[in-house]
Amino acid sequence: MADTTVRLLRLLGLLQTQRLWTGAELASRLGVNTRTIRADIARLRRLDYQVDAVPGVAGGYRLSASATLPPLQLDDDEAIAVAVALRTAVGAGVVGIGEDAARAATKLQQLLPPRLRHRLHTISAVAEAIPNSRNSVEPSVFRDVATAVERSELLRFDYTDRHTTASERRVEPCRLVQSGGRWYLVGYDLDRQDWRNYRLDRISPKTPTGPRFTARDLPARDLATFVTRGRMAALWNYTARVIVDAPAETVAARIPTGIWTVEPIDPHTSALEAGDQSPQLLAAYLAAMDLDFRLEAGHAPELAAAITALAARYTAATHHS
């Protein structure tokens, strides 16, 4: 009986890789004949595992989703990965998920063998997840928006921006992105004819959703960077374009990652699109790059004045007795 149980667990581990296994391959891996494999497959089915049999020369066995949640076979690294992921889920930003994840993590830890329990305890002792107690998303909102994204259905919702101004939006939803501890919807706003980011905790979806749409080309290859840049740009009161006397890769290494944009003009010169809350703050940040730059003639007069004032202040500081 013990040998049968061990073999079933090994068989289950192979099937959970989601590939199609022939009976001969499984028999070879487990050191038995194909008749025993057929008997073991029948045992797994009686335990509520949905094992599909694909007929034909290229057929075999494959594990598919079941109506119920049967026991899950994990190797050591998978078990630790799941346990750590559950512990970090407290900061997921969706109401109730943190508590559910904590209960699931406790159940999993109780089932871990001593060697893995010790590894998890070591990780837990030195790592701490910060709960996201601000602006959490209601599960119903997360579900409704995610469903519209998955089905490519037009989404209508009421939205409250950072100035508490309410508006109604018609959006082709594209992706959900987590950034800075919050969830954002990336979508194409039909009324504004542009790609926008929307904080999910400020969305009130309207049902039913609209008709299906054909997906557009994404606004950026890296949507996380797109969202981050949109978040910061919303806080800027001032933007300017400056010419930097340095290669684009050198400039990129000295500016906020994913927030400002830099493009090469030639191998030795770059154009930098930058922003901040005021011309004075932007002038100070540009100085901190420690690279020579210049303003285009007639452009950004407020920034020019701020740079002049900053230069005078620094000059005065060096001559102070």
C-alpha atoms as a PDB file:
ATOM      1  CA  MET A   1       0.000   0.000   0.000  1.00  0.00           C
ATOM      2  CA  ALA A   2       2.846   2.373   0.842  1.00  0.00           C
ATOM      3  CA  ASP A   3       4.451   1.744  -2.568  1.00  0.00           C
ATOM      4  CA  THR A   4       1.148   2.471  -4.296  1.00  0.00           C
ATOM      5  CA  THR A   5       0.709   5.748  -2.405  1.00  0.00           C
ATOM      6  CA  VAL A   6       4.239   6.896  -3.224  1.00  0.00           C
ATOM      7  CA  ARG A   7       3.730   5.979  -6.879  1.00  0.00           C
ATOM      8  CA  LEU A   8       0.410   7.872  -7.019  1.00  0.00           C
ATOM      9  CA  LEU A   9       2.039  10.999  -5.604  1.00  0.00           C
ATOM     10  CA  ARG A  10       4.859  10.755  -8.134  1.00  0.00           C
ATOM     11  CA  LEU A  11       2.327  10.204 -10.924  1.00  0.00           C
ATOM     12  CA  LEU A  12       0.358  13.218  -9.747  1.00  0.00           C
ATOM     13  CA  GLY A  13       3.504  15.340  -9.734  1.00  0.00           C
ATOM     14  CA  LEU A  14       4.202  14.388 -13.361  1.00  0.00           C
ATOM     15  CA  LEU A  15       0.641  15.110 -14.482  1.00  0.00           C
ATOM     16  CA  GLN A  16       0.640  18.522 -12.787  1.00  0.00           C
ATOM     17  CA  THR A  17       3.360  19.704 -15.183  1.00  0.00           C
ATOM     18  CA  GLN A  18       0.436  20.182 -17.626  1.00  0.00           C
ATOM     19  CA  ARG A  19       2.105  18.298 -20.478  1.00  0.00           C
ATOM     20  CA  LEU A  20       0.587  15.327 -22.306  1.00  0.00           C
ATOM     21  CA  TRP A  21       2.160  12.041 -21.135  1.00  0.00           C
ATOM     22  CA  THR A  22       1.845   8.755 -22.999  1.00  0.00           C
ATOM     23  CA  GLY A  23       1.193   5.653 -20.950  1.00  0.00           C
ATOM     24  CA  ALA A  24       4.596   4.291 -21.975  1.00  0.00           C
ATOM     25  CA  GLU A  25       6.362   7.477 -20.793  1.00  0.00           C
ATOM     26  CA  LEU A  26       4.649   7.370 -17.405  1.00  0.00           C
ATOM     27  CA  ALA A  27       5.378   3.656 -17.038  1.00  0.00           C
ATOM     28  CA  SER A  28       9.060   4.253 -17.824  1.00  0.00           C
ATOM     29  CA  ARG A  29       9.292   7.131 -15.323  1.00  0.00           C
ATOM     30  CA  LEU A  30       7.651   5.132 -12.536  1.00  0.00           C
ATOM     31  CA  GLY A  31       9.186   1.751 -13.290  1.00  0.00           C
ATOM     32  CA  VAL A  32       5.896  -0.097 -13.856  1.00  0.00           C
ATOM     33  CA  ASN A  33       3.931  -1.390 -16.850  1.00  0.00           C
ATOM     34  CA  THR A  34       1.183   0.467 -18.707  1.00  0.00           C
ATOM     35  CA  ARG A  35      -1.509  -1.685 -17.114  1.00  0.00           C
ATOM     36  CA  THR A  36      -0.468  -0.374 -13.682  1.00  0.00           C
ATOM     37  CA  ILE A  37      -0.543   3.177 -15.048  1.00  0.00           C
ATOM     38  CA  ARG A  38      -4.141   2.685 -16.202  1.00  0.00           C
ATOM     39  CA  ALA A  39      -5.069   1.388 -12.753  1.00  0.00           C
ATOM     40  CA  ASP A  40      -3.349   4.366 -11.064  1.00  0.00           C
ATOM     41  CA  ILE A  41      -5.142   6.807 -13.360  1.00  0.00           C
ATOM     42  CA  ALA A  42      -8.425   5.244 -12.283  1.00  0.00           C
ATOM     43  CA  ARG A  43      -7.431   5.683  -8.617  1.00  0.00           C
ATOM     44  CA  LEU A  44      -6.686   9.387  -9.170  1.00  0.00           C
ATOM     45  CA  ARG A  45     -10.067   9.870 -10.813  1.00  0.00           C
ATOM     46  CA  ARG A  46     -11.776   8.309  -7.793  1.00  0.00           C
ATOM     47  CA  LEU A  47      -9.947  10.944  -5.706  1.00  0.00           C
ATOM     48  CA  ASP A  48     -11.613  13.692  -7.833  1.00  0.00           C
ATOM     49  CA  TYR A  49      -8.620  14.420 -10.056  1.00  0.00           C
ATOM     50  CA  GLN A  50      -9.836  15.111 -13.593  1.00  0.00           C
ATOM     51  CA  VAL A  51      -7.412  13.130 -15.765  1.00  0.00           C
ATOM     52  CA  ASP A  52      -8.209  13.313 -19.459  1.00  0.00           C
ATOM     53  CA  ALA A  53      -7.260  10.455 -21.778  1.00  0.00           C
ATOM     54  CA  VAL A  54      -6.414  11.616 -25.311  1.00  0.00           C
ATOM     55  CA  PRO A  55      -6.836   8.747 -27.818  1.00  0.00           C
ATOM     56  CA  GLY A  56      -4.625   8.002 -30.798  1.00  0.00           C
ATOM     57  CA  VAL A  57      -0.964   7.426 -31.516  1.00  0.00           C
ATOM     58  CA  ALA A  58      -0.056  10.931 -30.276  1.00  0.00           C
ATOM     59  CA  GLY A  59      -2.431  10.662 -27.309  1.00  0.00           C
ATOM     60  CA  GLY A  60      -1.892  10.090 -23.638  1.00  0.00           C
ATOM     61  CA  TYR A  61      -2.922  11.448 -20.244  1.00  0.00           C
ATOM     62  CA  ARG A  62      -3.282  15.042 -19.096  1.00  0.00           C
ATOM     63  CA  LEU A  63      -4.564  16.644 -15.890  1.00  0.00           C
ATOM     64  CA  SER A  64      -7.348  19.210 -16.356  1.00  0.00           C
ATOM     65  CA  ALA A  65      -9.390  21.418 -14.045  1.00  0.00           C
ATOM     66  CA  SER A  66     -11.783  19.645 -11.689  1.00  0.00           C
ATOM     67  CA  ALA A  67     -15.151  20.692 -10.312  1.00  0.00           C
ATOM     68  CA  THR A  68     -13.668  20.601  -6.814  1.00  0.00           C
ATOM     69  CA  LEU A  69     -10.247  21.522  -5.447  1.00  0.00           C
ATOM     70  CA  PRO A  70      -8.334  18.252  -4.918  1.00  0.00           C
ATOM     71  CA  PRO A  71      -5.057  17.978  -2.972  1.00  0.00           C
ATOM     72  CA  LEU A  72      -2.135  19.686  -4.693  1.00  0.00           C
ATOM     73  CA  GLN A  73       1.290  18.103  -5.113  1.00  0.00           C
ATOM     74  CA  LEU A  74       4.147  20.646  -4.873  1.00  0.00           C
ATOM     75  CA  ASP A  75       7.879  20.171  -4.899  1.00  0.00           C
ATOM     76  CA  ASP A  76      10.053  21.920  -2.275  1.00  0.00           C
ATOM     77  CA  ASP A  77      10.752  25.104  -4.248  1.00  0.00           C
ATOM     78  CA  GLU A  78       7.128  25.408  -5.384  1.00  0.00           C
ATOM     79  CA  ALA A  79       5.871  25.069  -1.809  1.00  0.00           C
ATOM     80  CA  ILE A  80       8.211  27.817  -0.556  1.00  0.00           C
ATOM     81  CA  ALA A  81       7.298  30.063  -3.505  1.00  0.00           C
ATOM     82  CA  VAL A  82       3.575  29.704  -2.775  1.00  0.00           C
ATOM     83  CA  ALA A  83       4.080  30.307   0.947  1.00  0.00           C
ATOM     84  CA  VAL A  84       6.124  33.475   0.364  1.00  0.00           C
ATOM     85  CA  ALA A  85       3.632  34.743  -2.228  1.00  0.00           C
ATOM     86  CA  LEU A  86       0.774  34.245   0.223  1.00  0.00           C
ATOM     87  CA  ARG A  87       2.608  36.186   2.923  1.00  0.00           C
ATOM     88  CA  THR A  88       3.250  39.109   0.586  1.00  0.00           C
ATOM     89  CA  ALA A  89      -0.387  39.145  -0.567  1.00  0.00           C
ATOM     90  CA  VAL A  90      -1.291  41.272   2.464  1.00  0.00           C
ATOM     91  CA  GLY A  91      -0.243  44.242   0.338  1.00  0.00           C
ATOM     92  CA  ALA A  92      -2.287  43.210  -2.691  1.00  0.00           C
ATOM     93  CA  GLY A  93      -4.562  46.235  -2.393  1.00  0.00           C
ATOM     94  CA  VAL A  94      -7.851  44.323  -2.694  1.00  0.00           C
ATOM     95  CA  VAL A  95     -10.214  44.228   0.285  1.00  0.00           C
ATOM     96  CA  GLY A  96     -10.235  40.850   2.056  1.00  0.00           C
ATOM     97  CA  ILE A  97      -7.444  39.207   0.064  1.00  0.00           C
ATOM     98  CA  GLY A  98      -4.897  39.789   2.826  1.00  0.00           C
ATOM     99  CA  GLU A  99      -6.977  37.885   5.370  1.00  0.00           C
ATOM    100  CA  ASP A 100      -7.696  35.046   2.941  1.00  0.00           C
ATOM    101  CA  ALA A 101      -4.019  34.802   2.053  1.00  0.00           C
ATOM    102  CA  ALA A 102      -3.006  34.732   5.734  1.00  0.00           C
ATOM    103  CA  ARG A 103      -5.379  31.819   6.415  1.00  0.00           C
ATOM    104  CA  ALA A 104      -4.129  29.927   3.370  1.00  0.00           C
ATOM    105  CA  ALA A 105      -0.495  30.545   4.405  1.00  0.00           C
ATOM    106  CA  THR A 106      -1.200  29.145   7.883  1.00  0.00           C
ATOM    107  CA  LYS A 107      -2.768  26.003   6.419  1.00  0.00           C
ATOM    108  CA  LEU A 108       0.139  25.487   4.046  1.00  0.00           C
ATOM    109  CA  GLN A 109       2.745  25.998   6.769  1.00  0.00           C
ATOM    110  CA  GLN A 110       1.104  23.324   8.910  1.00  0.00           C
ATOM    111  CA  LEU A 111       1.464  20.848   6.056  1.00  0.00           C
ATOM    112  CA  LEU A 112       5.098  21.597   5.261  1.00  0.00           C
ATOM    113  CA  PRO A 113       7.711  19.039   6.318  1.00  0.00           C
ATOM    114  CA  PRO A 114      10.130  20.247   9.047  1.00  0.00           C
ATOM    115  CA  ARG A 115      12.942  21.117   6.619  1.00  0.00           C
ATOM    116  CA  LEU A 116      10.682  23.387   4.566  1.00  0.00           C
ATOM    117  CA  ARG A 117       8.990  24.833   7.641  1.00  0.00           C
ATOM    118  CA  HIS A 118      12.423  25.880   8.882  1.00  0.00           C
ATOM    119  CA  ARG A 119      13.242  27.548   5.540  1.00  0.00           C
ATOM    120  CA  LEU A 120       9.969  29.451   5.577  1.00  0.00           C
ATOM    121  CA  HIS A 121      10.499  30.477   9.203  1.00  0.00           C
ATOM    122  CA  THR A 122      13.928  31.844   8.272  1.00  0.00           C
ATOM    123  CA  ILE A 123      12.440  33.931   5.466  1.00  0.00           C
ATOM    124  CA  SER A 124       9.578  35.157   7.671  1.00  0.00           C
ATOM    125  CA  ALA A 125      11.967  36.158  10.443  1.00  0.00           C
ATOM    126  CA  VAL A 126      13.919  38.576   8.254  1.00  0.00           C
ATOM    127  CA  ALA A 127      11.266  39.753   5.761  1.00  0.00           C
ATOM    128  CA  GLU A 128       8.170  41.789   6.453  1.00  0.00           C
ATOM    129  CA  ALA A 129       5.308  42.635   4.114  1.00  0.00           C
ATOM    130  CA  ILE A 130       3.703  46.049   4.565  1.00  0.00           C
ATOM    131  CA  PRO A 131      -0.112  45.912   4.520  1.00  0.00           C
ATOM    132  CA  ASN A 132      -1.709  48.223   1.981  1.00  0.00           C
ATOM    133  CA  SER A 133      -4.256  49.895   4.214  1.00  0.00           C
ATOM    134  CA  ARG A 134      -4.823  52.875   1.904  1.00  0.00           C
ATOM    135  CA  ASN A 135      -7.291  53.039  -0.944  1.00  0.00           C
ATOM    136  CA  SER A 136      -7.975  49.308  -1.186  1.00  0.00           C
ATOM    137  CA  VAL A 137     -10.129  48.058  -4.049  1.00  0.00           C
ATOM    138  CA  GLU A 138     -13.439  46.333  -3.428  1.00  0.00           C
ATOM    139  CA  PRO A 139     -13.406  42.722  -4.718  1.00  0.00           C
ATOM    140  CA  SER A 140     -16.546  43.362  -6.807  1.00  0.00           C
ATOM    141  CA  VAL A 141     -14.862  46.281  -8.594  1.00  0.00           C
ATOM    142  CA  PHE A 142     -11.731  44.240  -9.229  1.00  0.00           C
ATOM    143  CA  ARG A 143     -13.825  41.354 -10.573  1.00  0.00           C
ATOM    144  CA  ASP A 144     -16.021  43.499 -12.842  1.00  0.00           C
ATOM    145  CA  VAL A 145     -13.122  45.425 -14.358  1.00  0.00           C
ATOM    146  CA  ALA A 146     -10.986  42.296 -14.796  1.00  0.00           C
ATOM    147  CA  THR A 147     -13.899  40.557 -16.535  1.00  0.00           C
ATOM    148  CA  ALA A 148     -14.319  43.455 -18.952  1.00  0.00           C
ATOM    149  CA  VAL A 149     -10.583  43.356 -19.719  1.00  0.00           C
ATOM    150  CA  GLU A 150     -10.634  39.597 -20.322  1.00  0.00           C
ATOM    151  CA  ARG A 151     -13.718  39.777 -22.569  1.00  0.00           C
ATOM    152  CA  SER A 152     -12.606  42.949 -24.427  1.00  0.00           C
ATOM    153  CA  GLU A 153     -15.895  44.648 -23.555  1.00  0.00           C
ATOM    154  CA  LEU A 154     -16.442  48.417 -23.415  1.00  0.00           C
ATOM    155  CA  LEU A 155     -16.441  49.576 -19.794  1.00  0.00           C
ATOM    156  CA  ARG A 156     -18.539  52.483 -18.529  1.00  0.00           C
ATOM    157  CA  PHE A 157     -17.796  53.860 -15.083  1.00  0.00           C
ATOM    158  CA  ASP A 158     -17.966  56.889 -12.837  1.00  0.00           C
ATOM    159  CA  TYR A 159     -14.512  58.179 -11.949  1.00  0.00           C
ATOM    160  CA  THR A 160     -13.313  60.570  -9.241  1.00  0.00           C
ATOM    161  CA  ASP A 161      -9.925  62.132  -9.924  1.00  0.00           C
ATOM    162  CA  ARG A 162      -7.354  63.414  -7.406  1.00  0.00           C
ATOM    163  CA  HIS A 163      -9.145  66.785  -7.288  1.00  0.00           C
ATOM    164  CA  THR A 164     -12.371  64.920  -6.278  1.00  0.00           C
ATOM    165  CA  THR A 165     -13.904  65.883  -9.624  1.00  0.00           C
ATOM    166  CA  ALA A 166     -16.402  63.268 -10.799  1.00  0.00           C
ATOM    167  CA  SER A 167     -16.886  62.289 -14.437  1.00  0.00           C
ATOM    168  CA  GLU A 168     -18.324  59.475 -16.522  1.00  0.00           C
ATOM    169  CA  ARG A 169     -15.902  57.516 -18.695  1.00  0.00           C
ATOM    170  CA  ARG A 170     -16.265  55.170 -21.665  1.00  0.00           C
ATOM    171  CA  VAL A 171     -13.118  53.105 -21.907  1.00  0.00           C
ATOM    172  CA  GLU A 172     -11.777  50.149 -23.841  1.00  0.00           C
ATOM    173  CA  PRO A 173     -10.057  48.368 -20.917  1.00  0.00           C
ATOM    174  CA  CYS A 174      -6.659  46.874 -21.697  1.00  0.00           C
ATOM    175  CA  ARG A 175      -4.754  45.725 -18.582  1.00  0.00           C
ATOM    176  CA  LEU A 176      -4.706  45.916 -14.789  1.00  0.00           C
ATOM    177  CA  VAL A 177      -1.337  47.060 -13.455  1.00  0.00           C
ATOM    178  CA  GLN A 178      -0.147  47.335  -9.850  1.00  0.00           C
ATOM    179  CA  SER A 179       2.161  50.274  -9.176  1.00  0.00           C
ATOM    180  CA  GLY A 180       3.156  52.015  -5.956  1.00  0.00           C
ATOM    181  CA  GLY A 181       0.881  49.802  -3.863  1.00  0.00           C
ATOM    182  CA  ARG A 182      -2.219  50.633  -5.932  1.00  0.00           C
ATOM    183  CA  TRP A 183      -4.069  48.995  -8.819  1.00  0.00           C
ATOM    184  CA  TYR A 184      -4.550  50.886 -12.098  1.00  0.00           C
ATOM    185  CA  LEU A 185      -6.627  50.254 -15.185  1.00  0.00           C
ATOM    186  CA  VAL A 186      -4.892  51.024 -18.476  1.00  0.00           C
ATOM    187  CA  GLY A 187      -7.440  51.736 -21.174  1.00  0.00           C
ATOM    188  CA  TYR A 188      -8.325  53.792 -24.235  1.00  0.00           C
ATOM    189  CA  ASP A 189     -10.718  56.629 -23.375  1.00  0.00           C
ATOM    190  CA  LEU A 190     -13.152  56.948 -26.280  1.00  0.00           C
ATOM    191  CA  ASP A 191     -14.284  60.472 -25.415  1.00  0.00           C
ATOM    192  CA  ARG A 192     -10.736  61.812 -24.952  1.00  0.00           C
ATOM    193  CA  GLN A 193      -9.318  59.742 -27.823  1.00  0.00           C
ATOM    194  CA  ASP A 194      -6.247  58.820 -25.809  1.00  0.00           C
ATOM    195  CA  TRP A 195      -4.740  56.150 -23.577  1.00  0.00           C
ATOM    196  CA  ARG A 196      -5.249  56.831 -19.865  1.00  0.00           C
ATOM    197  CA  ASN A 197      -4.551  55.317 -16.439  1.00  0.00           C
ATOM    198  CA  TYR A 198      -7.305  55.064 -13.840  1.00  0.00           C
ATOM    199  CA  ARG A 199      -6.902  54.210 -10.182  1.00  0.00           C
ATOM    200  CA  LEU A 200      -9.087  51.209  -9.554  1.00  0.00           C
ATOM    201  CA  ASP A 201     -10.207  52.397  -6.093  1.00  0.00           C
ATOM    202  CA  ARG A 202     -11.714  55.507  -7.749  1.00  0.00           C
ATOM    203  CA  ILE A 203     -13.763  53.535 -10.288  1.00  0.00           C
ATOM    204  CA  SER A 204     -17.467  52.723  -9.927  1.00  0.00           C
ATOM    205  CA  PRO A 205     -18.300  50.355 -12.818  1.00  0.00           C
ATOM    206  CA  LYS A 206     -21.667  50.476 -14.510  1.00  0.00           C
ATOM    207  CA  THR A 207     -23.432  47.350 -15.696  1.00  0.00           C
ATOM    208  CA  PRO A 208     -24.047  45.904 -18.116  1.00  0.00           C
ATOM    209  CA  THR A 209     -20.781  46.390 -19.956  1.00  0.00           C
ATOM    210  CA  GLY A 210     -20.801  47.616 -23.529  1.00  0.00           C
ATOM    211  CA  PRO A 211     -20.142  45.802 -26.816  1.00  0.00           C
ATOM    212  CA  ARG A 212     -16.936  43.957 -27.546  1.00  0.00           C
ATOM    213  CA  PHE A 213     -14.121  45.832 -29.240  1.00  0.00           C
ATOM    214  CA  THR A 214     -11.033  45.004 -31.261  1.00  0.00           C
ATOM    215  CA  ALA A 215      -7.887  45.438 -29.172  1.00  0.00           C
ATOM    216  CA  ARG A 216      -5.677  48.391 -30.129  1.00  0.00           C
ATOM    217  CA  ASP A 217      -1.904  48.440 -30.175  1.00  0.00           C
ATOM    218  CA  LEU A 218      -0.639  48.971 -26.629  1.00  0.00           C
ATOM    219  CA  PRO A 219       0.528  52.499 -25.732  1.00  0.00           C
ATOM    220  CA  ALA A 220       3.887  51.143 -24.559  1.00  0.00           C
ATOM    221  CA  ARG A 221       5.793  47.898 -24.486  1.00  0.00           C
ATOM    222  CA  ASP A 222       6.276  48.230 -20.729  1.00  0.00           C
ATOM    223  CA  LEU A 223       2.884  49.056 -19.207  1.00  0.00           C
ATOM    224  CA  ALA A 224       4.314  49.295 -15.681  1.00  0.00           C
ATOM    225  CA  THR A 225       6.561  52.163 -16.826  1.00  0.00           C
ATOM    226  CA  PHE A 226       3.633  53.712 -18.712  1.00  0.00           C
ATOM    227  CA  VAL A 227       1.554  53.710 -15.531  1.00  0.00           C
ATOM    228  CA  THR A 228       4.383  55.053 -13.378  1.00  0.00           C
ATOM    229  CA  ARG A 229       5.010  57.912 -15.811  1.00  0.00           C
ATOM    230  CA  GLY A 230       1.301  58.701 -15.863  1.00  0.00           C
ATOM    231  CA  ARG A 231       1.122  58.724 -12.063  1.00  0.00           C
ATOM    232  CA  MET A 232       3.999  61.169 -11.744  1.00  0.00           C
ATOM    233  CA  ALA A 233       2.916  63.359 -14.667  1.00  0.00           C
ATOM    234  CA  ALA A 234      -0.434  63.855 -12.937  1.00  0.00           C
ATOM    235  CA  LEU A 235       1.441  65.461 -10.028  1.00  0.00           C
ATOM    236  CA  TRP A 236       3.551  67.767 -12.206  1.00  0.00           C
ATOM    237  CA  ASN A 237       2.643  71.418 -12.455  1.00  0.00           C
ATOM    238  CA  TYR A 238       5.541  72.190 -14.765  1.00  0.00           C
ATOM    239  CA  THR A 239       7.246  70.431 -17.686  1.00  0.00           C
ATOM    240  CA  ALA A 240      10.054  71.431 -20.015  1.00  0.00           C
ATOM    241  CA  ARG A 241      12.335  70.113 -22.739  1.00  0.00           C
ATOM    242  CA  VAL A 242      16.092  70.545 -22.337  1.00  0.00           C
ATOM    243  CA  ILE A 243      19.079  69.568 -24.459  1.00  0.00           C
ATOM    244  CA  VAL A 244      21.738  67.595 -22.583  1.00  0.00           C
ATOM    245  CA  ASP A 245      25.343  67.348 -23.796  1.00  0.00           C
ATOM    246  CA  ALA A 246      25.627  63.618 -23.122  1.00  0.00           C
ATOM    247  CA  PRO A 247      24.617  60.326 -24.764  1.00  0.00           C
ATOM    248  CA  ALA A 248      21.065  59.154 -24.093  1.00  0.00           C
ATOM    249  CA  GLU A 249      22.221  56.132 -22.078  1.00  0.00           C
ATOM    250  CA  THR A 250      24.270  58.392 -19.776  1.00  0.00           C
ATOM    251  CA  VAL A 251      21.294  60.687 -19.195  1.00  0.00           C
ATOM    252  CA  ALA A 252      18.922  57.759 -18.631  1.00  0.00           C
ATOM    253  CA  ALA A 253      21.138  56.509 -15.798  1.00  0.00           C
ATOM    254  CA  ARG A 254      20.762  59.829 -13.934  1.00  0.00           C
ATOM    255  CA  ILE A 255      17.047  60.560 -14.179  1.00  0.00           C
ATOM    256  CA  PRO A 256      14.010  59.010 -12.435  1.00  0.00           C
ATOM    257  CA  THR A 257      13.490  55.555 -13.906  1.00  0.00           C
ATOM    258  CA  GLY A 258      10.421  55.315 -16.107  1.00  0.00           C
ATOM    259  CA  ILE A 259       9.254  58.879 -15.342  1.00  0.00           C
ATOM    260  CA  TRP A 260      11.188  61.321 -17.522  1.00  0.00           C
ATOM    261  CA  THR A 261      11.897  60.469 -21.147  1.00  0.00           C
ATOM    262  CA  VAL A 262      15.155  60.892 -23.030  1.00  0.00           C
ATOM    263  CA  GLU A 263      15.804  60.532 -26.761  1.00  0.00           C
ATOM    264  CA  PRO A 264      19.128  60.691 -28.618  1.00  0.00           C
ATOM    265  CA  ILE A 265      19.741  63.610 -30.967  1.00  0.00           C
ATOM    266  CA  ASP A 266      23.175  62.348 -32.001  1.00  0.00           C
ATOM    267  CA  PRO A 267      25.796  60.112 -30.332  1.00  0.00           C
ATOM    268  CA  HIS A 268      26.801  62.946 -27.976  1.00  0.00           C
ATOM    269  CA  THR A 269      23.564  64.916 -27.400  1.00  0.00           C
ATOM    270  CA  SER A 270      20.112  64.069 -26.017  1.00  0.00           C
ATOM    271  CA  ALA A 271      16.677  65.654 -25.659  1.00  0.00           C
ATOM    272  CA  LEU A 272      15.164  65.331 -22.189  1.00  0.00           C
ATOM    273  CA  GLU A 273      11.456  65.740 -21.419  1.00  0.00           C
ATOM    274  CA  ALA A 274      11.280  66.470 -17.689  1.00  0.00           C
ATOM    275  CA  GLY A 275       8.715  67.613 -15.168  1.00  0.00           C
ATOM    276  CA  ASP A 276       8.275  68.495 -11.512  1.00  0.00           C
ATOM    277  CA  GLN A 277       5.977  70.387  -9.173  1.00  0.00           C
ATOM    278  CA  SER A 278       7.626  73.747  -9.924  1.00  0.00           C
ATOM    279  CA  PRO A 279      10.337  75.273 -12.142  1.00  0.00           C
ATOM    280  CA  GLN A 280      12.494  75.693  -9.040  1.00  0.00           C
ATOM    281  CA  LEU A 281      12.379  71.988  -8.154  1.00  0.00           C
ATOM    282  CA  LEU A 282      13.022  71.032 -11.764  1.00  0.00           C
ATOM    283  CA  ALA A 283      16.047  73.368 -11.905  1.00  0.00           C
ATOM    284  CA  ALA A 284      17.498  71.769  -8.771  1.00  0.00           C
ATOM    285  CA  TYR A 285      16.997  68.244 -10.136  1.00  0.00           C
ATOM    286  CA  LEU A 286      18.587  69.127 -13.473  1.00  0.00           C
ATOM    287  CA  ALA A 287      21.593  70.496 -11.595  1.00  0.00           C
ATOM    288  CA  ALA A 288      21.837  67.253  -9.636  1.00  0.00           C
ATOM    289  CA  MET A 289      22.316  65.305 -12.901  1.00  0.00           C
ATOM    290  CA  ASP A 290      25.844  66.793 -13.016  1.00  0.00           C
ATOM    291  CA  LEU A 291      25.657  67.036 -16.816  1.00  0.00           C
ATOM    292  CA  ASP A 292      25.891  70.090 -19.062  1.00  0.00           C
ATOM    293  CA  PHE A 293      22.521  71.087 -20.509  1.00  0.00           C
ATOM    294  CA  ARG A 294      20.867  74.060 -22.193  1.00  0.00           C
ATOM    295  CA  LEU A 295      17.424  75.395 -22.917  1.00  0.00           C
ATOM    296  CA  GLU A 296      16.205  75.955 -26.429  1.00  0.00           C
ATOM    297  CA  ALA A 297      15.972  79.636 -27.313  1.00  0.00           C
ATOM    298  CA  GLY A 298      12.646  81.162 -26.334  1.00  0.00           C
ATOM    299  CA  HIS A 299      11.442  78.045 -24.525  1.00  0.00           C
ATOM    300  CA  ALA A 300      10.699  77.485 -20.829  1.00  0.00           C
ATOM    301  CA  PRO A 301      11.189  81.065 -19.549  1.00  0.00           C
ATOM    302  CA  GLU A 302      10.098  80.081 -16.022  1.00  0.00           C
ATOM    303  CA  LEU A 303      12.748  77.369 -15.902  1.00  0.00           C
ATOM    304  CA  ALA A 304      15.355  79.802 -17.250  1.00  0.00           C
ATOM    305  CA  ALA A 305      14.543  82.221 -14.448  1.00  0.00           C
ATOM    306  CA  ALA A 306      14.720  79.461 -11.848  1.00  0.00           C
ATOM    307  CA  ILE A 307      18.118  78.280 -13.156  1.00  0.00           C
ATOM    308  CA  THR A 308      19.470  81.851 -13.074  1.00  0.00           C
ATOM    309  CA  ALA A 309      18.272  82.322  -9.495  1.00  0.00           C
ATOM    310  CA  LEU A 310      19.733  78.971  -8.440  1.00  0.00           C
ATOM    311  CA  ALA A 311      23.081  79.783 -10.059  1.00  0.00           C
ATOM    312  CA  ALA A 312      23.197  83.134  -8.249  1.00  0.00           C
ATOM    313  CA  ARG A 313      22.402  81.463  -4.947  1.00  0.00           C
ATOM    314  CA  TYR A 314      25.145  78.847  -5.425  1.00  0.00           C
ATOM    315  CA  THR A 315      27.618  81.535  -6.453  1.00  0.00           C
ATOM    316  CA  ALA A 316      26.779  83.589  -3.385  1.00  0.00           C
ATOM    317  CA  ALA A 317      27.209  80.520  -1.199  1.00  0.00           C
ATOM    318  CA  THR A 318      30.791  79.975  -2.414  1.00  0.00           C
ATOM    319  CA  HIS A 319      31.740  83.615  -1.723  1.00  0.00           C
ATOM    320  CA  HIS A 320      30.154  83.817   1.722  1.00  0.00           C
ATOM    321  CA  SER A 321      32.672  84.902   4.377  1.00  0.00           C
END
